[in-house]
Each structure stands twice: as structure tokens, then as C-alpha cells.
C-alpha atoms as a PDB file:
ATOM      1  CA  MET A   1     -31.143   2.665-106.192  1.00  0.00           C
ATOM      2  CA  ASP A   2     -31.739   5.926-107.878  1.00  0.00           C
ATOM      3  CA  ILE A   3     -34.909   7.129-106.072  1.00  0.00           C
ATOM      4  CA  SER A   4     -35.878   9.681-108.723  1.00  0.00           C
ATOM      5  CA  LYS A   5     -35.558   7.097-111.495  1.00  0.00           C
ATOM      6  CA  THR A   6     -37.471   4.505-109.454  1.00  0.00           C
ATOM      7  CA  ILE A   7     -40.372   6.918-108.756  1.00  0.00           C
ATOM      8  CA  ALA A   8     -40.442   8.005-112.405  1.00  0.00           C
ATOM      9  CA  ALA A   9     -40.676   4.427-113.519  1.00  0.00           C
ATOM     10  CA  LEU A  10     -43.528   3.699-111.101  1.00  0.00           C
ATOM     11  CA  LYS A  11     -45.377   6.735-112.449  1.00  0.00           C
ATOM     12  CA  GLN A  12     -45.092   5.370-116.069  1.00  0.00           C
ATOM     13  CA  ARG A  13     -47.307   2.364-115.178  1.00  0.00           C
ATOM     14  CA  PRO A  14     -50.746   2.747-116.637  1.00  0.00           C
ATOM     15  CA  ASP A  15     -52.579   1.952-113.404  1.00  0.00           C
ATOM     16  CA  PHE A  16     -50.404   4.217-111.202  1.00  0.00           C
ATOM     17  CA  THR A  17     -52.784   7.211-110.707  1.00  0.00           C
ATOM     18  CA  GLU A  18     -55.745   4.880-109.991  1.00  0.00           C
ATOM     19  CA  ASN A  19     -53.844   3.199-107.143  1.00  0.00           C
ATOM     20  CA  VAL A  20     -51.271   5.505-105.673  1.00  0.00           C
ATOM     21  CA  GLY A  21     -51.730   8.608-103.490  1.00  0.00           C
ATOM     22  CA  MET A  22     -48.482   8.213-101.533  1.00  0.00           C
ATOM     23  CA  ILE A  23     -45.013   6.786-101.852  1.00  0.00           C
ATOM     24  CA  LEU A  24     -42.849   6.391 -98.768  1.00  0.00           C
ATOM     25  CA  ILE A  25     -39.074   5.755 -98.999  1.00  0.00           C
ATOM     26  CA  HIS A  26     -36.519   4.454 -96.493  1.00  0.00           C
ATOM     27  CA  ASN A  27     -32.892   5.010 -97.236  1.00  0.00           C
ATOM     28  CA  GLY A  28     -30.766   3.305 -94.608  1.00  0.00           C
ATOM     29  CA  THR A  29     -27.152   4.433 -94.399  1.00  0.00           C
ATOM     30  CA  VAL A  30     -24.179   3.420 -92.231  1.00  0.00           C
ATOM     31  CA  ARG A  31     -23.947   5.481 -89.070  1.00  0.00           C
ATOM     32  CA  SER A  32     -20.397   6.585 -87.784  1.00  0.00           C
ATOM     33  CA  TRP A  33     -21.461   5.556 -84.213  1.00  0.00           C
ATOM     34  CA  SER A  34     -22.753   2.363 -82.635  1.00  0.00           C
ATOM     35  CA  ARG A  35     -26.341   2.270 -81.505  1.00  0.00           C
ATOM     36  CA  VAL A  36     -25.318   0.146 -78.544  1.00  0.00           C
ATOM     37  CA  ASP A  37     -22.754   2.400 -76.885  1.00  0.00           C
ATOM     38  CA  HIS A  38     -22.122   5.268 -79.351  1.00  0.00           C
ATOM     39  CA  ARG A  39     -18.510   4.091 -79.954  1.00  0.00           C
ATOM     40  CA  ARG A  40     -17.099   5.204 -83.283  1.00  0.00           C
ATOM     41  CA  VAL A  41     -17.836   2.808 -86.230  1.00  0.00           C
ATOM     42  CA  THR A  42     -15.272   2.688 -88.897  1.00  0.00           C
ATOM     43  CA  ALA A  43     -17.031   0.015 -91.118  1.00  0.00           C
ATOM     44  CA  LEU A  44     -20.016  -2.244 -91.139  1.00  0.00           C
ATOM     45  CA  ASP A  45     -20.071  -5.819 -92.539  1.00  0.00           C
ATOM     46  CA  ILE A  46     -23.581  -6.821 -93.751  1.00  0.00           C
ATOM     47  CA  GLU A  47     -25.054 -10.062 -94.846  1.00  0.00           C
ATOM     48  CA  VAL A  48     -28.494  -9.963 -96.482  1.00  0.00           C
ATOM     49  CA  ASP A  49     -30.904 -12.884 -96.893  1.00  0.00           C
ATOM     50  CA  GLN A  50     -32.460 -11.864-100.211  1.00  0.00           C
ATOM     51  CA  ASP A  51     -34.796 -14.826-100.188  1.00  0.00           C
ATOM     52  CA  LYS A  52     -36.255 -13.779 -96.846  1.00  0.00           C
ATOM     53  CA  ILE A  53     -36.606 -10.172 -98.224  1.00  0.00           C
ATOM     54  CA  SER A  54     -38.607 -11.416-101.189  1.00  0.00           C
ATOM     55  CA  GLU A  55     -40.844 -13.420 -98.919  1.00  0.00           C
ATOM     56  CA  LEU A  56     -41.501 -10.452 -96.671  1.00  0.00           C
ATOM     57  CA  ARG A  57     -42.152  -8.265 -99.730  1.00  0.00           C
ATOM     58  CA  ARG A  58     -44.696 -10.716-101.032  1.00  0.00           C
ATOM     59  CA  GLU A  59     -46.494 -10.846 -97.633  1.00  0.00           C
ATOM     60  CA  TYR A  60     -46.728  -7.029 -97.430  1.00  0.00           C
ATOM     61  CA  LEU A  61     -47.868  -6.587-100.981  1.00  0.00           C
ATOM     62  CA  ASP A  62     -51.066  -8.348 -99.929  1.00  0.00           C
ATOM     63  CA  ARG A  63     -51.955  -5.723 -97.472  1.00  0.00           C
ATOM     64  CA  PRO A  64     -54.939  -3.407 -98.217  1.00  0.00           C
ATOM     65  CA  GLY A  65     -54.094  -0.389-100.365  1.00  0.00           C
ATOM     66  CA  ILE A  66     -50.514  -1.458-101.202  1.00  0.00           C
ATOM     67  CA  TYR A  67     -49.638  -0.979-104.934  1.00  0.00           C
ATOM     68  CA  GLU A  68     -46.003  -1.772-105.033  1.00  0.00           C
ATOM     69  CA  ILE A  69     -43.064  -2.546-102.681  1.00  0.00           C
ATOM     70  CA  LEU A  70     -39.478  -2.321-103.943  1.00  0.00           C
ATOM     71  CA  VAL A  71     -36.586  -3.358-101.814  1.00  0.00           C
ATOM     72  CA  GLU A  72     -32.854  -3.077-102.461  1.00  0.00           C
ATOM     73  CA  ALA A  73     -30.507  -4.382 -99.802  1.00  0.00           C
ATOM     74  CA  HIS A  74     -26.697  -4.706-100.080  1.00  0.00           C
ATOM     75  CA  SER A  75     -24.326  -7.192 -98.575  1.00  0.00           C
ATOM     76  CA  GLY A  76     -20.692  -6.536 -98.066  1.00  0.00           C
ATOM     77  CA  HIS A  77     -18.254  -4.210 -96.334  1.00  0.00           C
ATOM     78  CA  PHE A  78     -19.361  -0.594 -95.983  1.00  0.00           C
ATOM     79  CA  ALA A  79     -18.091   2.704 -94.668  1.00  0.00           C
ATOM     80  CA  PRO A  80     -20.097   5.311 -92.773  1.00  0.00           C
ATOM     81  CA  GLY A  81     -22.358   7.243 -95.131  1.00  0.00           C
ATOM     82  CA  ASP A  82     -22.782   4.271 -97.596  1.00  0.00           C
ATOM     83  CA  ASP A  83     -26.284   3.248 -98.533  1.00  0.00           C
ATOM     84  CA  LEU A  84     -27.356  -0.109 -97.227  1.00  0.00           C
ATOM     85  CA  LEU A  85     -31.073  -0.537 -97.671  1.00  0.00           C
ATOM     86  CA  PHE A  86     -33.777   1.119 -99.807  1.00  0.00           C
ATOM     87  CA  ILE A  87     -37.523   0.392 -99.260  1.00  0.00           C
ATOM     88  CA  VAL A  88     -40.121   1.999-101.471  1.00  0.00           C
ATOM     89  CA  VAL A  89     -43.790   1.481-100.574  1.00  0.00           C
ATOM     90  CA  ALA A  90     -46.501   2.878-102.879  1.00  0.00           C
ATOM     91  CA  GLY A  91     -50.204   2.812-102.263  1.00  0.00           C
ATOM     92  CA  ASP A  92     -53.433   4.488-101.829  1.00  0.00           C
ATOM     93  CA  LEU A  93     -53.703   6.170 -98.403  1.00  0.00           C
ATOM     94  CA  ARG A  94     -51.144   6.978 -95.657  1.00  0.00           C
ATOM     95  CA  GLU A  95     -53.166   4.982 -93.123  1.00  0.00           C
ATOM     96  CA  ASN A  96     -52.249   1.857 -95.204  1.00  0.00           C
ATOM     97  CA  ILE A  97     -48.780   2.739 -96.287  1.00  0.00           C
ATOM     98  CA  LYS A  98     -47.129   4.150 -93.135  1.00  0.00           C
ATOM     99  CA  PRO A  99     -47.585   0.919 -91.030  1.00  0.00           C
ATOM    100  CA  VAL A 100     -46.481  -1.302 -93.931  1.00  0.00           C
ATOM    101  CA  LEU A 101     -43.149   0.654 -94.285  1.00  0.00           C
ATOM    102  CA  ALA A 102     -42.528   0.587 -90.543  1.00  0.00           C
ATOM    103  CA  GLU A 103     -43.337  -3.116 -90.098  1.00  0.00           C
ATOM    104  CA  LEU A 104     -41.454  -4.183 -93.207  1.00  0.00           C
ATOM    105  CA  LEU A 105     -38.373  -2.244 -92.209  1.00  0.00           C
ATOM    106  CA  ASP A 106     -38.377  -3.753 -88.713  1.00  0.00           C
ATOM    107  CA  ARG A 107     -38.860  -7.259 -90.042  1.00  0.00           C
ATOM    108  CA  ILE A 108     -36.188  -6.981 -92.649  1.00  0.00           C
ATOM    109  CA  LYS A 109     -33.672  -5.646 -90.074  1.00  0.00           C
ATOM    110  CA  ALA A 110     -34.690  -8.448 -87.617  1.00  0.00           C
ATOM    111  CA  GLU A 111     -35.139 -11.401 -89.959  1.00  0.00           C
ATOM    112  CA  ALA A 112     -33.053 -10.816 -93.066  1.00  0.00           C
ATOM    113  CA  VAL A 113     -29.968  -8.748 -92.080  1.00  0.00           C
ATOM    114  CA  ARG A 114     -26.975  -9.649 -90.093  1.00  0.00           C
ATOM    115  CA  LYS A 115     -24.362  -7.037 -89.324  1.00  0.00           C
ATOM    116  CA  ASN A 116     -21.125  -6.601 -87.546  1.00  0.00           C
ATOM    117  CA  GLU A 117     -19.852  -3.172 -86.664  1.00  0.00           C
ATOM    118  CA  VAL A 118     -16.141  -2.483 -86.892  1.00  0.00           C
ATOM    119  CA  VAL A 119     -15.408  -0.077 -84.020  1.00  0.00           C
ATOM    120  CA  GLY A 120     -12.263   1.857 -83.325  1.00  0.00           C
END
């Protein structure tokens, strides 16, 4: 996902200025160390359930003040530094948007992503 192009496209929508006062973005990348024990990670294998992500997206779009949610999640074999997950949440007020991004991120990671770290 090209974040600049994505934001520019959102801003072109005729109802954007009436509905959006904040855009929050998550850009998840592969770390070079394991969260569990800080061992060196040389690669990460990811499997994404795109249907579950679509379901979660629809659920959170119904929250008050949320204008748009865009999610791009990648499956495959990745190296440290590679992009894995983009989430864009646009809406009216930070009080509405911050919890949606945080909750959606946690649920995507817990319910729609399986990963296997290659350590060495």
C-alpha cells in the first residue's frame, strides 16, 4: 500500500471533509527479533484469512464516527523490514478512531493471522 496515494484518494471523495478529522495508520513490518525470547528472526511465514479481515472491517465500520477502514494484509515468506499489514482508519474524532484502530489491529492479529518465525 502506498500510504500517500491512499490518503490522497480518500481526500478526493466528495464527503471526505464533512466526515474526517483524523486518519490513523498502522504499518506492521517484520522485526529482526522474536517477541517471545528476542532470538534473531531471519524470516517470517504468514498466512492471512482475508475473509475474516473483511468481516472485522465491516464490523468496525459500523462504529460511531468511522468513515472508512482500509486493510492490506500479506501472506507469504518475508524478511525483516518487509511490510506485512497496513490498516487505515479515517473518521471524525480521535476519541472514536483511536480505539477502533487499536481493537481492530489486535483482533486481526489474533483472529486472522497465523505466523511462524524462522529463527537462527
